Amino acid sequence: MQGSLHTGLHTYAHNFTVSLSSVFATPKVESIIAKLLSDPTIYSLSLKSLGMVYMEAPTGKVCYNSRQQLNCTSIEVMSKCVWQMSRDNEAALTLGPGSEVQLSDTCTELSTVALLKTSGFWSGMYSCLFVTGNIAHMAMAPIQIALLPEVINVTSNPQTADCSASSSTKVSILCSIENSTETYKAMLKLGITEIAPVKEEKNGIIKYTAEFTVDCLADGKPSSLEVSCTVENSLNQLRNRTIRIPIIYPSDLFCPEDETVERKWPKTKNNETAVIDCTAPGRQGLMKRKCIGKNWGEELSLCVKAVLNSVALQAKDFEKGLGATQEGAQFIFQSLKNNTSEESENTFGDVKAAVSVFETMKKASVNMALGENLLPDFIDSASSMLNTSWEVGDVEESSSLASQYLSSVEGLVKSIRINASEGYNSSNIQLQVCRSGSTCNRTVFNVDVELNATADMVKTVGLQSLANRLPKLGYEKALFPSIVVSSTVENNTQSSVNIRLGFPNEMDSKSTMTCVFWNVTEQRWSEEGCKYVKGPGNLAYCECNHLTSFSMLMSKHSVSMPFLDQLTYVGLGVSICSLIVYIIIECLVWSTVVKSNLSHFRHTALLNISLCLLLADCSFLASSFPSILNDTLCLVLVVAKHYFFLAMFFWMLCLSVMLVHQLIFVFSHIGKKMYMILGFTIGYVCPTVTVAVTYVYYDQASDIPYYSPKTCWLTYQSAMQGSIHAFLFPVGTIILVNLFSMVVVIATVLKPSGAESNKKGDNDAVKSIIKVVIFLTPVFGGTWILGLFVFLMDDFTQFTTYVVHYAFTIVNSLQGFFILLTGCFAEKRVRDEILRIVLGKSGKDQGTVTTTK
């Protein structure tokens, strides 16, 4: 006996251990347990065995941020398996699918868990359990990780270096991290000065401090200096945190020190933000205040209830895969509801913390489906947040929070799996559900929603008191109603979705009504695809429809313009048919037309350009309706578009380089074999490497995803951030090289030969230039230069932006048709051979025709 625990008035829990020197037979032990449970005095009995399972686990310290795998093998076949992890004296938590944990699909006798990114979070004792009934065979092993601090806090005292009255000033730098079993080395650096800091350990925190002197007379008078804290672990791995210290010079504006009974705001430079710790009891976090000129702005409190911080940490654990079970998710949402239900106690910081929990759980739902039992707690907590005022004096901060709130609520509504529920209503949020039909009609907050889509399920959410909180970019003078309506369609089989909103129009007849939708990628309201329809009496309707246009390929965000989608599909249809015809013609006339190395080079490149463009256009059409595609198919189509469009451009590069080589080095010929090796290497190996490296980088090493499921295309975050740059840079470079090649060709055409005494006349020169441009632009990708303007021009209030988008869509969706015209029908020998085939002329007759010029 290991001990007994009094659990109730007449109940006890007894822990005991049995050592066996015989074969453990699970069926026999099960029968013993069943017999014991027949005794009414025994309420429950569970058994765990050691020695029936073998675990393979890393030994010694493993590197931080590495991938590690644990394998377990059971002697007997069991019903299911469970992985658990415990740290120090904490209770063991069950591992589930998450962003940092990957579990094997089968686990009756063999089970595997992979830790995708090891950190201090995953350092602990691991257990794998193979379970049947009340019996669990288990094995245990510790994982030791060379830790690095998850959070490094760097502060300076004072927050601003004051050079307004002296030639130098001192600042004290503090770098603090959580204490752990790891032995750290730290270094503090201000500007170019590096100092080994003084170390102090207190209350589970390690503090490194150093004092620096700021030279107020330094050359250039920098407006600020960078301070960095670098921490090194026992395996020489580094983690760094950098902050910026503003400098106040005699001519600079600043806000003087402001001290109240509760808090003290330090002297701060103009346009800088002062930060202090929360002073309210029971709350954690920071308070911010911006200096504007010589005057202080309003205080922004990001102070959060300590219990909400704890819930946010639990949600992060869940998202990574620790405690990722349905019970764990329900506990998180219950805790959130219980701590946000009282209106008077919720602050802006509390709402921000709660929204962060929503966003974290939305990310977690990608790896683990959330059940409908979460709906009441989720919707009640989200509803209570809308009772809180978000006005904090910082419009950008409150608007950003509103956008995050809408995105996270929509995402959770979409990801929560609903089986029997018809919806759920609270004071500020109403959720209605439709199942399996071509039309869905529901009402939320007196707004009638009619949605035409053949789908498994349609979820419609009405959110009250949200519209006025969202950014009003472009609609600053408009009056917004309080209701925002969001509909989510699951497994839609139609090519498009039409939504119609009917609502009572309470405005006078002089008002202009506008229907807008919230563009998630651009974070603003947009009228694209929506129109206002006046109904009988005081009724009004909004009708919206959104598709995918071709100009999205080169745009930062998804694009919606009148008729742009229709132009895309018509152009691509013509292009695909033209490319098929061109490939067939090439196969028919190849043996007759391809006689020299030069013609072989040209037709090989054109055939590969056409094939890549055909596959790219087909992939684009297949991904035109992302709402009906699952994530795997969407990813496959994104990779296909990325690869085939790049391959097309690399073959265009081969063609232009070959042409310029033949023009410049007239007597230096490239052999057919060499050209084929170079062509296929550049044309297919280069795009393969580009796509592979891009996918691996954004999938493993970046927080930005490789593709967007909303558009089934590459992502754009900001300048130099986003996978679309792995498409734009190679395409842009090749376009510039090909344009240079075109200039070389034009210069060669205009240059008189040795037999000519004078230069060509102006008319002949113009004709020659036009001919070169028309013939080479489609096969050199010249029309895609418009795409670079599409990427740069994202101001849709400008008429030129619309012109560029329409021009790019029309010209490039018809690229296959232009290749058919210039690469096939414009070449005399190809035309003659086609005529011979069509008219049935003999080879001899055709020979007479083709040799006559």
Foldseek 3Di string as FASTA:
>chain_A
DPDWADDDDPDIDDDDDDDDPDDDDVVVVVVVLVVVCVPVNDPDDAEEAEPQKDKDFDDDADEFFAKTKMKMFGNDFADDKWKWWDADPDDIWTFFWAPQWDWDPDDRGMIMIMGRGDEPVRFTKMKMWGDHDRYTYMDIDTHHYQHDFPDKDKAKVVLAAEAADHQKGKIKIKIKGFDDPWDKFKWKDKAHDIDRFDWDDDPRMIITMDMDMGGCPDPPRDQWIKMKMWMATPVRDIDMDIDIHGYDYNPFFWEPWDDDPQDTFHIGTAQDKTKDWDRDPQWGDIKIWHHHGHDIFFIDDLTEHPLLVVLLVLLLCCNNGTNVDQVSLLVSLQSLQVVLQDLVPDDLNHLLSSLSSLVSVLNSLVGPAHEPVSQVSNVNSLQSSLSYDNDRRDLVVQQVSLLSSVVSVVSNVQRHDDDPDQWDDDDFKTKGKDAADQWDWDDDPQKTKIKGFRAGMKIKMKGFQRPVRHDAVVNVPDDDHGIDMDMAGAQTPDQKMKMKIKHFAPDDPVDDDADWDQDSQVRYTDRFQKDKDDDPDRMIMIMGIDWAAPLCLLAQGTDGHPCRRVLLVVLLVLLLVLLVVLLVLCVLCVVPQPDDLLSVLQSVLLNLLSVLVNQLSVLCVVCGRLNNDDPVSLQVSQLSNQLSVLLNLQSLLLNLVQVLCCLVVVPDDDDNVRSVVVNCCSNHVVSVVLSVVLQCCQSRPHPHHQPDSRRSYWHHDDVVDTNSCSRCVSNVVLLVVSVVSLVSVLVSVQDDDPVDDDTDDPVVSVVSNVLSCLQSCLSSVNLCVLSNVQHVDPPVVDPVNVVSSSSSSNCVSNSSVSCSVNVAVVDVSNVLSVCCVVVVPDPVVSVVVVVDD
